[in-house]
Amino acid sequence: MFLDELTPFVQELIRQPVAFLGGVASGVLRLNLSEDPVKTWLDKQASTTGGNSNGSTPPSANGPQKISID
């Protein structure tokens, strides 16, 4: 009952604890992720960890892609 409702939170906490706790902290502190200095820090983190190991361009570099939602 109550434990069934907490299961998704616990699973995300176990999978990615740093990201989960960062999201909780930003929610508690009411940080807006689209304002500085948070935005610039997130951009730096994305640029340092977003590289491809195989050297090919990511699919999003080809421009917008269409998706269909049923």
C-alpha atoms as a PDB file:
ATOM      1  CA  MET A   1       0.000   0.000   0.000  1.00  0.00           C
ATOM      2  CA  PHE A   2       2.153   2.860   1.227  1.00  0.00           C
ATOM      3  CA  LEU A   3       5.306   0.967   0.317  1.00  0.00           C
ATOM      4  CA  ASP A   4       3.996   0.432  -3.225  1.00  0.00           C
ATOM      5  CA  GLU A   5       3.813   4.192  -3.674  1.00  0.00           C
ATOM      6  CA  LEU A   6       7.406   4.674  -2.509  1.00  0.00           C
ATOM      7  CA  THR A   7       8.859   1.946  -4.750  1.00  0.00           C
ATOM      8  CA  PRO A   8       9.532   4.201  -7.811  1.00  0.00           C
ATOM      9  CA  PHE A   9      11.358   6.737  -5.630  1.00  0.00           C
ATOM     10  CA  VAL A  10      13.525   4.073  -4.041  1.00  0.00           C
ATOM     11  CA  GLN A  11      14.337   2.525  -7.424  1.00  0.00           C
ATOM     12  CA  GLU A  12      15.475   5.886  -8.839  1.00  0.00           C
ATOM     13  CA  LEU A  13      17.475   6.583  -5.692  1.00  0.00           C
ATOM     14  CA  ILE A  14      19.281   3.267  -6.068  1.00  0.00           C
ATOM     15  CA  ARG A  15      19.909   3.689  -9.829  1.00  0.00           C
ATOM     16  CA  GLN A  16      21.226   7.258  -9.772  1.00  0.00           C
ATOM     17  CA  PRO A  17      21.687   8.504  -6.215  1.00  0.00           C
ATOM     18  CA  VAL A  18      23.581  11.703  -7.057  1.00  0.00           C
ATOM     19  CA  ALA A  19      21.089  12.827  -9.704  1.00  0.00           C
ATOM     20  CA  PHE A  20      18.134  11.945  -7.498  1.00  0.00           C
ATOM     21  CA  LEU A  21      19.462  13.775  -4.459  1.00  0.00           C
ATOM     22  CA  GLY A  22      20.462  16.727  -6.629  1.00  0.00           C
ATOM     23  CA  GLY A  23      16.901  16.934  -7.902  1.00  0.00           C
ATOM     24  CA  VAL A  24      15.519  16.741  -4.392  1.00  0.00           C
ATOM     25  CA  ALA A  25      17.924  19.453  -3.208  1.00  0.00           C
ATOM     26  CA  SER A  26      17.026  21.738  -6.121  1.00  0.00           C
ATOM     27  CA  GLY A  27      13.353  21.248  -5.343  1.00  0.00           C
ATOM     28  CA  VAL A  28      13.782  21.947  -1.639  1.00  0.00           C
ATOM     29  CA  LEU A  29      15.899  25.032  -2.329  1.00  0.00           C
ATOM     30  CA  ARG A  30      13.543  26.068  -5.150  1.00  0.00           C
ATOM     31  CA  LEU A  31      16.366  26.497  -7.633  1.00  0.00           C
ATOM     32  CA  ASN A  32      15.376  27.469 -11.148  1.00  0.00           C
ATOM     33  CA  LEU A  33      17.464  25.353 -13.510  1.00  0.00           C
ATOM     34  CA  SER A  34      17.172  27.905 -16.322  1.00  0.00           C
ATOM     35  CA  GLU A  35      18.796  30.757 -14.353  1.00  0.00           C
ATOM     36  CA  ASP A  36      22.456  31.489 -13.645  1.00  0.00           C
ATOM     37  CA  PRO A  37      24.614  30.198 -11.948  1.00  0.00           C
ATOM     38  CA  VAL A  38      22.835  26.848 -12.090  1.00  0.00           C
ATOM     39  CA  LYS A  39      22.382  26.985 -15.873  1.00  0.00           C
ATOM     40  CA  THR A  40      26.048  27.655 -16.581  1.00  0.00           C
ATOM     41  CA  TRP A  41      27.109  24.888 -14.208  1.00  0.00           C
ATOM     42  CA  LEU A  42      24.726  22.439 -15.901  1.00  0.00           C
ATOM     43  CA  ASP A  43      26.023  23.484 -19.321  1.00  0.00           C
ATOM     44  CA  LYS A  44      29.610  22.859 -18.182  1.00  0.00           C
ATOM     45  CA  GLN A  45      28.679  19.454 -16.820  1.00  0.00           C
ATOM     46  CA  ALA A  46      26.913  18.505 -20.044  1.00  0.00           C
ATOM     47  CA  SER A  47      29.852  19.580 -22.182  1.00  0.00           C
ATOM     48  CA  THR A  48      32.400  17.633 -20.150  1.00  0.00           C
ATOM     49  CA  THR A  49      30.391  14.416 -19.926  1.00  0.00           C
ATOM     50  CA  GLY A  50      28.490  14.561 -23.204  1.00  0.00           C
ATOM     51  CA  GLY A  51      31.236  13.369 -25.538  1.00  0.00           C
ATOM     52  CA  ASN A  52      30.865  10.280 -27.701  1.00  0.00           C
ATOM     53  CA  SER A  53      33.476   7.594 -27.271  1.00  0.00           C
ATOM     54  CA  ASN A  54      33.150   6.331 -30.852  1.00  0.00           C
ATOM     55  CA  GLY A  55      33.662   9.735 -32.492  1.00  0.00           C
ATOM     56  CA  SER A  56      30.375   9.785 -34.421  1.00  0.00           C
ATOM     57  CA  THR A  57      27.991  12.704 -34.262  1.00  0.00           C
ATOM     58  CA  PRO A  58      24.985  12.306 -31.998  1.00  0.00           C
ATOM     59  CA  PRO A  59      21.574  11.988 -33.685  1.00  0.00           C
ATOM     60  CA  SER A  60      20.418  15.300 -32.227  1.00  0.00           C
ATOM     61  CA  ALA A  61      23.201  17.123 -34.121  1.00  0.00           C
ATOM     62  CA  ASN A  62      21.318  16.542 -37.367  1.00  0.00           C
ATOM     63  CA  GLY A  63      18.565  18.971 -36.348  1.00  0.00           C
ATOM     64  CA  PRO A  64      15.062  18.469 -35.025  1.00  0.00           C
ATOM     65  CA  GLN A  65      13.568  15.039 -35.302  1.00  0.00           C
ATOM     66  CA  LYS A  66       9.940  14.099 -35.617  1.00  0.00           C
ATOM     67  CA  ILE A  67       8.265  11.892 -33.077  1.00  0.00           C
ATOM     68  CA  SER A  68       4.737  10.575 -32.996  1.00  0.00           C
ATOM     69  CA  ILE A  69       2.799  10.160 -29.800  1.00  0.00           C
ATOM     70  CA  ASP A  70      -0.155   7.835 -29.789  1.00  0.00           C
END
